[in-house]
Amino acid sequence: MRIHAAVTAALVALVIVSLASQSRAASDSTCKADVANASAAASPAHKLLLIPGPIEFSEEVLAAAGGLATSHVDPSFVAEFGETLELLRKVFLAERGQPFVVSGSGTLGWDMVEPGQNVLVVNTGYFGDRFGETFEA
């Protein structure tokens, strides 16, 4: 697999979050039961999802997502987005790189790669295998 510096941060972040969720769920069956019981106590009608996606969100994240939308030109959004880009540069050790945050499904990244381009696939299981096989074809 060839490595490409222009891999989208959003795709990688989505894959990491999804696979981390999947890995945590598979690591300890007693933990699954504890989490399911805690979730059921907080929300009796809710079943805990132990699948690669969609993922579970904390109450804090759900509350933030349930707030009013902010314009992409609002100074508070611009500042927060700028900080996010800086953090992505640190995560990917690309101090002078330009991260791209793309809104879409994980497979949207596939549409952003031209045949023959280099890619980096973060692989820890089935979906990572599929991504890798797709890009090698």
Foldseek 3Di string as FASTA:
>chain_A
DFADPQQAPQLQVLQVVLVVLLCVPPPDVVVVVVVQVVVCVVPVVDGADNHSDDHDDDPVVVVVVPDDDDDCPPPVNVVVVVVVQCVSCVVVVNNPDGHDRDDDDSCVSVVVDDQPDGHDQDDDDDVSVVVVVVNVD
